[in-house]
Amino acid sequence: MNPQKFQEQILNNAVQMDASVNFQLNGNMLIVPCPWEDDKQVTNGERVRYRGGIEVDADGRTRVKRYKVGSKGPLHETLYETAHGAVKITRPQIRPSDGRRRINEEYVYVTFKFPKKYGLALTKALYQEEADEIMSYFKTRKEETIWK
């Protein structure tokens, strides 16, 4: 298959994968059940909305809305991970007026999760090792970490 022709199809037209799945130009997906499934009722006669922008009609027609950039998504970005710990930062906040980052609204979180079956002595030893590893990561970061 010619990749250039495939890219033109994606950029210019709605893409139909098979008879029942349509990818629309605005990013939405429309899934239509097969004709032999018409006699089955999927919901209790009304449209049902699920998390993630999914809507299911009574006849089984399903719409999946596109992901809205900037309004939803993960709140934290993982910077560094150890066996039982993680360093996460809140998603960068950008001012719409001038495009500069809001540094005072970005926070770095360090979390540790140890199983209870490890016991206190082993948990303390592992915590010390992983805390040292995370602190050495902070020392090698190019951005300065402001401690409060």
N, C-alpha and C. Protein backbone atom coordinates (compact mmCIF):
# COMPACT_ATOMS: atom_id res chain seq x y z
N MET A 1 0.84 -1.19 0.00
CA MET A 1 0.00 0.00 0.00
C MET A 1 0.88 1.24 0.00
N ASN A 2 0.48 2.22 -0.74
CA ASN A 2 1.23 3.46 -0.85
C ASN A 2 0.99 4.31 0.41
N PRO A 3 2.06 4.57 1.21
CA PRO A 3 1.83 5.35 2.44
C PRO A 3 1.38 6.77 2.18
N GLN A 4 1.80 7.36 1.06
CA GLN A 4 1.39 8.73 0.76
C GLN A 4 -0.12 8.79 0.53
N LYS A 5 -0.65 7.81 -0.19
CA LYS A 5 -2.09 7.77 -0.45
C LYS A 5 -2.86 7.56 0.85
N PHE A 6 -2.33 6.72 1.74
CA PHE A 6 -2.98 6.47 3.03
C PHE A 6 -3.00 7.76 3.87
N GLN A 7 -1.89 8.53 3.87
CA GLN A 7 -1.85 9.79 4.62
C GLN A 7 -2.85 10.78 4.05
N GLU A 8 -2.99 10.84 2.72
CA GLU A 8 -3.97 11.74 2.13
C GLU A 8 -5.38 11.35 2.55
N GLN A 9 -5.64 10.05 2.63
CA GLN A 9 -6.97 9.58 3.03
C GLN A 9 -7.25 9.99 4.47
N ILE A 10 -6.27 9.89 5.34
CA ILE A 10 -6.46 10.26 6.74
C ILE A 10 -6.68 11.76 6.88
N LEU A 11 -5.93 12.57 6.13
CA LEU A 11 -6.00 14.01 6.29
C LEU A 11 -7.22 14.63 5.60
N ASN A 12 -7.70 14.02 4.52
CA ASN A 12 -8.76 14.65 3.74
C ASN A 12 -10.14 14.04 3.90
N ASN A 13 -10.23 12.78 4.23
CA ASN A 13 -11.53 12.10 4.26
C ASN A 13 -11.73 11.41 5.60
N ALA A 14 -12.99 11.11 5.88
CA ALA A 14 -13.28 10.24 7.00
C ALA A 14 -12.86 8.82 6.60
N VAL A 15 -12.24 8.10 7.50
CA VAL A 15 -11.72 6.78 7.20
C VAL A 15 -12.71 5.73 7.68
N GLN A 16 -13.04 4.80 6.80
CA GLN A 16 -13.95 3.72 7.17
C GLN A 16 -13.13 2.43 7.17
N MET A 17 -12.93 1.87 8.37
CA MET A 17 -12.10 0.67 8.50
C MET A 17 -12.81 -0.55 7.92
N ASP A 18 -14.04 -0.75 8.30
CA ASP A 18 -14.87 -1.80 7.73
C ASP A 18 -16.30 -1.26 7.70
N ALA A 19 -17.28 -2.10 7.52
CA ALA A 19 -18.65 -1.62 7.38
C ALA A 19 -19.20 -0.99 8.65
N SER A 20 -18.61 -1.29 9.79
CA SER A 20 -19.22 -0.83 11.03
C SER A 20 -18.42 0.21 11.79
N VAL A 21 -17.18 0.50 11.42
CA VAL A 21 -16.34 1.44 12.17
C VAL A 21 -15.96 2.60 11.26
N ASN A 22 -16.33 3.83 11.67
CA ASN A 22 -15.99 5.03 10.92
C ASN A 22 -15.16 5.96 11.80
N PHE A 23 -14.04 6.43 11.29
CA PHE A 23 -13.24 7.45 11.95
C PHE A 23 -13.56 8.76 11.26
N GLN A 24 -14.13 9.73 12.00
CA GLN A 24 -14.58 10.97 11.39
C GLN A 24 -13.48 12.01 11.42
N LEU A 25 -13.67 13.08 10.62
CA LEU A 25 -12.65 14.12 10.49
C LEU A 25 -12.40 14.87 11.79
N ASN A 26 -13.40 15.04 12.63
CA ASN A 26 -13.22 15.77 13.88
C ASN A 26 -12.57 14.93 14.98
N GLY A 27 -12.24 13.67 14.68
CA GLY A 27 -11.59 12.82 15.66
C GLY A 27 -12.51 11.83 16.34
N ASN A 28 -13.82 11.96 16.13
CA ASN A 28 -14.77 11.04 16.75
C ASN A 28 -14.77 9.71 16.01
N MET A 29 -15.27 8.69 16.69
CA MET A 29 -15.47 7.38 16.07
C MET A 29 -16.95 7.04 16.15
N LEU A 30 -17.47 6.40 15.12
CA LEU A 30 -18.85 5.95 15.10
C LEU A 30 -18.83 4.45 14.80
N ILE A 31 -19.41 3.67 15.70
CA ILE A 31 -19.46 2.22 15.53
C ILE A 31 -20.92 1.83 15.38
N VAL A 32 -21.24 1.23 14.24
CA VAL A 32 -22.60 0.83 13.92
C VAL A 32 -22.67 -0.69 13.98
N PRO A 33 -23.65 -1.25 14.68
CA PRO A 33 -23.74 -2.71 14.74
C PRO A 33 -24.09 -3.32 13.38
N CYS A 34 -23.76 -4.57 13.22
CA CYS A 34 -24.04 -5.29 11.98
C CYS A 34 -25.55 -5.42 11.78
N PRO A 35 -26.02 -5.52 10.52
CA PRO A 35 -27.46 -5.59 10.28
C PRO A 35 -28.15 -6.78 10.95
N TRP A 36 -27.47 -7.90 11.08
CA TRP A 36 -28.10 -9.06 11.70
C TRP A 36 -28.23 -8.93 13.22
N GLU A 37 -27.69 -7.84 13.79
CA GLU A 37 -27.82 -7.59 15.22
C GLU A 37 -28.94 -6.59 15.53
N ASP A 38 -29.75 -6.22 14.54
CA ASP A 38 -30.78 -5.20 14.72
C ASP A 38 -31.85 -5.58 15.73
N ASP A 39 -32.16 -6.86 15.87
CA ASP A 39 -33.23 -7.26 16.77
C ASP A 39 -32.83 -7.22 18.24
N LYS A 40 -31.54 -7.06 18.54
CA LYS A 40 -31.07 -7.05 19.93
C LYS A 40 -31.09 -5.63 20.48
N GLN A 41 -31.54 -5.50 21.72
CA GLN A 41 -31.56 -4.20 22.38
C GLN A 41 -30.37 -4.12 23.33
N VAL A 42 -29.57 -3.08 23.17
CA VAL A 42 -28.34 -2.96 23.95
C VAL A 42 -28.58 -2.25 25.27
N THR A 43 -29.38 -1.20 25.25
CA THR A 43 -29.68 -0.44 26.47
C THR A 43 -31.16 -0.61 26.79
N ASN A 44 -31.63 0.11 27.78
CA ASN A 44 -33.05 -0.01 28.18
C ASN A 44 -33.95 0.94 27.40
N GLY A 45 -33.60 1.22 26.17
CA GLY A 45 -34.44 2.05 25.32
C GLY A 45 -34.03 3.50 25.23
N GLU A 46 -32.99 3.89 25.90
CA GLU A 46 -32.55 5.28 25.85
C GLU A 46 -31.03 5.33 25.70
N ARG A 47 -30.52 6.51 25.38
CA ARG A 47 -29.08 6.68 25.21
C ARG A 47 -28.37 6.62 26.57
N VAL A 48 -27.26 5.90 26.61
CA VAL A 48 -26.48 5.76 27.85
C VAL A 48 -25.12 6.40 27.61
N ARG A 49 -24.67 7.21 28.58
CA ARG A 49 -23.36 7.86 28.47
C ARG A 49 -22.43 7.26 29.51
N TYR A 50 -21.21 6.96 29.06
CA TYR A 50 -20.19 6.42 29.93
C TYR A 50 -19.05 7.41 30.04
N ARG A 51 -18.15 7.15 30.97
CA ARG A 51 -16.96 8.00 31.11
C ARG A 51 -16.11 7.88 29.86
N GLY A 52 -15.34 8.92 29.58
CA GLY A 52 -14.45 8.89 28.44
C GLY A 52 -15.14 9.29 27.14
N GLY A 53 -16.32 9.90 27.21
CA GLY A 53 -16.99 10.38 26.01
C GLY A 53 -17.59 9.28 25.16
N ILE A 54 -18.08 8.21 25.78
CA ILE A 54 -18.70 7.11 25.04
C ILE A 54 -20.21 7.17 25.23
N GLU A 55 -20.94 7.15 24.12
CA GLU A 55 -22.40 7.16 24.15
C GLU A 55 -22.91 5.94 23.38
N VAL A 56 -23.87 5.23 23.96
CA VAL A 56 -24.46 4.05 23.32
C VAL A 56 -25.96 4.29 23.19
N ASP A 57 -26.47 4.19 21.95
CA ASP A 57 -27.90 4.31 21.70
C ASP A 57 -28.59 2.98 21.95
N ALA A 58 -29.93 3.01 21.95
CA ALA A 58 -30.69 1.79 22.20
C ALA A 58 -30.48 0.74 21.12
N ASP A 59 -30.22 1.19 19.88
CA ASP A 59 -30.03 0.23 18.79
C ASP A 59 -28.60 -0.30 18.72
N GLY A 60 -27.72 0.16 19.61
CA GLY A 60 -26.35 -0.34 19.64
C GLY A 60 -25.35 0.57 18.96
N ARG A 61 -25.81 1.64 18.34
CA ARG A 61 -24.90 2.59 17.69
C ARG A 61 -24.07 3.27 18.77
N THR A 62 -22.76 3.24 18.64
CA THR A 62 -21.85 3.74 19.66
C THR A 62 -21.03 4.88 19.09
N ARG A 63 -20.95 5.98 19.84
CA ARG A 63 -20.12 7.12 19.48
C ARG A 63 -19.02 7.28 20.52
N VAL A 64 -17.81 7.46 20.04
CA VAL A 64 -16.68 7.72 20.92
C VAL A 64 -16.16 9.10 20.56
N LYS A 65 -16.27 10.04 21.49
CA LYS A 65 -15.83 11.41 21.22
C LYS A 65 -14.33 11.50 21.36
N ARG A 66 -13.75 12.44 20.64
CA ARG A 66 -12.30 12.59 20.64
C ARG A 66 -11.82 13.16 21.96
N TYR A 67 -10.55 12.94 22.22
CA TYR A 67 -9.89 13.45 23.42
C TYR A 67 -9.68 14.95 23.24
N LYS A 68 -10.09 15.74 24.20
CA LYS A 68 -9.92 17.19 24.12
C LYS A 68 -8.55 17.56 24.67
N VAL A 69 -7.72 18.13 23.85
CA VAL A 69 -6.36 18.48 24.25
C VAL A 69 -6.40 19.63 25.24
N GLY A 70 -5.73 19.48 26.36
CA GLY A 70 -5.60 20.55 27.32
C GLY A 70 -6.67 20.60 28.39
N SER A 71 -7.80 19.93 28.20
CA SER A 71 -8.85 20.03 29.20
C SER A 71 -8.93 18.80 30.09
N LYS A 72 -8.45 17.68 29.62
CA LYS A 72 -8.48 16.46 30.41
C LYS A 72 -7.14 15.77 30.26
N GLY A 73 -7.06 14.59 30.76
CA GLY A 73 -5.82 13.85 30.61
C GLY A 73 -5.15 13.65 31.96
N PRO A 74 -3.96 13.10 31.96
CA PRO A 74 -3.30 12.84 33.23
C PRO A 74 -2.91 14.13 33.94
N LEU A 75 -3.12 14.14 35.24
CA LEU A 75 -2.76 15.32 36.02
C LEU A 75 -1.27 15.35 36.32
N HIS A 76 -0.66 14.17 36.39
CA HIS A 76 0.76 14.09 36.73
C HIS A 76 1.54 13.41 35.62
N GLU A 77 2.76 13.84 35.47
CA GLU A 77 3.68 13.22 34.52
C GLU A 77 4.79 12.56 35.32
N THR A 78 5.07 11.29 35.05
CA THR A 78 6.10 10.57 35.79
C THR A 78 7.47 10.96 35.28
N LEU A 79 8.31 11.46 36.18
CA LEU A 79 9.66 11.85 35.82
C LEU A 79 10.67 10.72 36.03
N TYR A 80 10.50 10.00 37.13
CA TYR A 80 11.49 8.98 37.50
C TYR A 80 10.80 7.93 38.35
N GLU A 81 11.18 6.66 38.16
CA GLU A 81 10.59 5.58 38.93
C GLU A 81 11.67 4.70 39.53
N THR A 82 11.40 4.22 40.71
CA THR A 82 12.23 3.19 41.33
C THR A 82 11.35 1.96 41.49
N ALA A 83 11.86 0.94 42.18
CA ALA A 83 11.08 -0.28 42.34
C ALA A 83 9.80 -0.03 43.13
N HIS A 84 9.84 0.82 44.14
CA HIS A 84 8.67 1.06 44.98
C HIS A 84 8.30 2.54 45.07
N GLY A 85 8.96 3.39 44.32
CA GLY A 85 8.70 4.82 44.42
C GLY A 85 8.58 5.46 43.05
N ALA A 86 8.05 6.66 43.05
CA ALA A 86 7.90 7.40 41.80
C ALA A 86 8.02 8.89 42.09
N VAL A 87 8.60 9.61 41.14
CA VAL A 87 8.66 11.06 41.18
C VAL A 87 7.76 11.56 40.07
N LYS A 88 6.74 12.33 40.46
CA LYS A 88 5.78 12.84 39.49
C LYS A 88 5.72 14.35 39.60
N ILE A 89 5.36 15.00 38.49
CA ILE A 89 5.20 16.44 38.47
C ILE A 89 3.84 16.74 37.87
N THR A 90 3.21 17.81 38.35
CA THR A 90 1.93 18.20 37.76
C THR A 90 2.18 18.68 36.34
N ARG A 91 1.18 18.53 35.54
CA ARG A 91 1.30 18.93 34.13
C ARG A 91 1.62 20.42 34.05
N PRO A 92 2.54 20.82 33.19
CA PRO A 92 2.91 22.24 33.11
C PRO A 92 1.71 23.12 32.78
N GLN A 93 1.59 24.21 33.50
CA GLN A 93 0.52 25.18 33.26
C GLN A 93 1.08 26.30 32.38
N ILE A 94 0.45 26.56 31.26
CA ILE A 94 0.89 27.58 30.33
C ILE A 94 -0.13 28.71 30.34
N ARG A 95 0.37 29.95 30.47
CA ARG A 95 -0.53 31.10 30.42
C ARG A 95 -1.01 31.29 28.99
N PRO A 96 -2.33 31.41 28.79
CA PRO A 96 -2.82 31.59 27.42
C PRO A 96 -2.45 32.95 26.83
N SER A 97 -2.26 33.96 27.67
CA SER A 97 -2.01 35.30 27.14
C SER A 97 -0.61 35.43 26.54
N ASP A 98 0.42 34.97 27.27
CA ASP A 98 1.78 35.16 26.76
C ASP A 98 2.54 33.85 26.53
N GLY A 99 1.94 32.71 26.85
CA GLY A 99 2.57 31.42 26.57
C GLY A 99 3.66 31.02 27.55
N ARG A 100 3.79 31.74 28.68
CA ARG A 100 4.82 31.40 29.66
C ARG A 100 4.29 30.40 30.66
N ARG A 101 5.20 29.60 31.21
CA ARG A 101 4.80 28.59 32.20
C ARG A 101 4.54 29.23 33.55
N ARG A 102 3.57 28.67 34.27
CA ARG A 102 3.28 29.11 35.65
C ARG A 102 4.06 28.19 36.58
N ILE A 103 5.27 28.57 36.90
CA ILE A 103 6.15 27.74 37.71
C ILE A 103 5.59 27.55 39.12
N ASN A 104 4.93 28.58 39.66
CA ASN A 104 4.44 28.48 41.04
C ASN A 104 3.25 27.53 41.17
N GLU A 105 2.68 27.03 40.06
CA GLU A 105 1.57 26.08 40.11
C GLU A 105 1.99 24.68 39.70
N GLU A 106 3.29 24.45 39.54
CA GLU A 106 3.79 23.12 39.21
C GLU A 106 4.42 22.53 40.46
N TYR A 107 4.00 21.32 40.79
CA TYR A 107 4.47 20.68 42.01
C TYR A 107 5.09 19.33 41.68
N VAL A 108 6.10 18.97 42.45
CA VAL A 108 6.76 17.67 42.31
C VAL A 108 6.33 16.81 43.48
N TYR A 109 5.88 15.58 43.19
CA TYR A 109 5.44 14.65 44.22
C TYR A 109 6.35 13.43 44.21
N VAL A 110 6.72 12.98 45.40
CA VAL A 110 7.48 11.74 45.56
C VAL A 110 6.59 10.79 46.36
N THR A 111 6.32 9.63 45.80
CA THR A 111 5.48 8.65 46.49
C THR A 111 6.20 7.32 46.58
N PHE A 112 5.97 6.63 47.69
CA PHE A 112 6.51 5.29 47.91
C PHE A 112 5.36 4.37 48.25
N LYS A 113 5.40 3.14 47.71
CA LYS A 113 4.40 2.13 48.03
C LYS A 113 5.13 0.82 48.31
N PHE A 114 5.13 0.43 49.56
CA PHE A 114 5.77 -0.82 49.98
C PHE A 114 4.70 -1.80 50.44
N PRO A 115 4.82 -3.07 50.07
CA PRO A 115 3.87 -4.06 50.58
C PRO A 115 4.01 -4.24 52.09
N LYS A 116 2.92 -4.52 52.76
CA LYS A 116 2.95 -4.69 54.21
C LYS A 116 3.71 -5.94 54.62
N LYS A 117 3.80 -6.91 53.72
CA LYS A 117 4.47 -8.16 54.06
C LYS A 117 5.99 -8.01 54.20
N TYR A 118 6.56 -6.86 53.78
CA TYR A 118 8.01 -6.67 53.87
C TYR A 118 8.48 -6.54 55.31
N GLY A 119 7.67 -6.03 56.18
CA GLY A 119 8.10 -5.81 57.56
C GLY A 119 8.76 -4.45 57.70
N LEU A 120 8.89 -4.00 58.94
CA LEU A 120 9.38 -2.65 59.21
C LEU A 120 10.86 -2.50 58.86
N ALA A 121 11.70 -3.45 59.24
CA ALA A 121 13.15 -3.32 59.01
C ALA A 121 13.46 -3.29 57.51
N LEU A 122 12.88 -4.20 56.75
CA LEU A 122 13.13 -4.24 55.31
C LEU A 122 12.57 -3.00 54.62
N THR A 123 11.39 -2.55 55.06
CA THR A 123 10.78 -1.36 54.47
C THR A 123 11.66 -0.13 54.71
N LYS A 124 12.20 0.01 55.93
CA LYS A 124 13.07 1.15 56.22
C LYS A 124 14.35 1.10 55.39
N ALA A 125 14.92 -0.09 55.23
CA ALA A 125 16.15 -0.23 54.44
C ALA A 125 15.90 0.10 52.97
N LEU A 126 14.81 -0.44 52.42
CA LEU A 126 14.48 -0.14 51.03
C LEU A 126 14.13 1.33 50.83
N TYR A 127 13.43 1.90 51.80
CA TYR A 127 13.09 3.32 51.72
C TYR A 127 14.36 4.17 51.68
N GLN A 128 15.34 3.85 52.52
CA GLN A 128 16.58 4.62 52.55
C GLN A 128 17.31 4.53 51.21
N GLU A 129 17.39 3.32 50.65
CA GLU A 129 18.07 3.15 49.36
C GLU A 129 17.35 3.92 48.25
N GLU A 130 16.04 3.77 48.18
CA GLU A 130 15.30 4.43 47.10
C GLU A 130 15.23 5.94 47.30
N ALA A 131 15.20 6.40 48.54
CA ALA A 131 15.22 7.84 48.78
C ALA A 131 16.56 8.42 48.34
N ASP A 132 17.66 7.72 48.60
CA ASP A 132 18.96 8.18 48.13
C ASP A 132 19.01 8.22 46.61
N GLU A 133 18.42 7.21 45.97
CA GLU A 133 18.40 7.17 44.51
C GLU A 133 17.59 8.34 43.94
N ILE A 134 16.45 8.65 44.57
CA ILE A 134 15.62 9.76 44.10
C ILE A 134 16.30 11.09 44.36
N MET A 135 16.97 11.23 45.50
CA MET A 135 17.68 12.49 45.77
C MET A 135 18.81 12.70 44.78
N SER A 136 19.50 11.62 44.38
CA SER A 136 20.54 11.78 43.37
C SER A 136 19.92 12.14 42.02
N TYR A 137 18.70 11.67 41.75
CA TYR A 137 18.01 12.10 40.54
C TYR A 137 17.74 13.60 40.59
N PHE A 138 17.28 14.10 41.75
CA PHE A 138 17.00 15.53 41.88
C PHE A 138 18.26 16.36 41.66
N LYS A 139 19.40 15.85 42.10
CA LYS A 139 20.65 16.60 41.93
C LYS A 139 21.07 16.67 40.47
N THR A 140 20.67 15.69 39.67
CA THR A 140 21.05 15.69 38.25
C THR A 140 20.03 16.37 37.36
N ARG A 141 18.90 16.81 37.92
CA ARG A 141 17.89 17.50 37.10
C ARG A 141 18.42 18.81 36.60
N LYS A 142 18.02 19.18 35.38
CA LYS A 142 18.46 20.47 34.83
C LYS A 142 17.66 21.63 35.41
N GLU A 143 16.39 21.37 35.78
CA GLU A 143 15.58 22.41 36.40
C GLU A 143 15.80 22.39 37.90
N GLU A 144 15.78 23.54 38.48
CA GLU A 144 15.98 23.62 39.93
C GLU A 144 14.70 23.23 40.65
N THR A 145 14.84 22.44 41.69
CA THR A 145 13.70 22.04 42.51
C THR A 145 13.64 22.97 43.71
N ILE A 146 12.53 23.66 43.87
CA ILE A 146 12.35 24.59 44.99
C ILE A 146 11.62 23.84 46.08
N TRP A 147 12.24 23.70 47.24
CA TRP A 147 11.66 22.95 48.36
C TRP A 147 10.86 23.89 49.22
N LYS A 148 9.65 23.47 49.63
CA LYS A 148 8.82 24.27 50.53
C LYS A 148 8.71 23.59 51.85
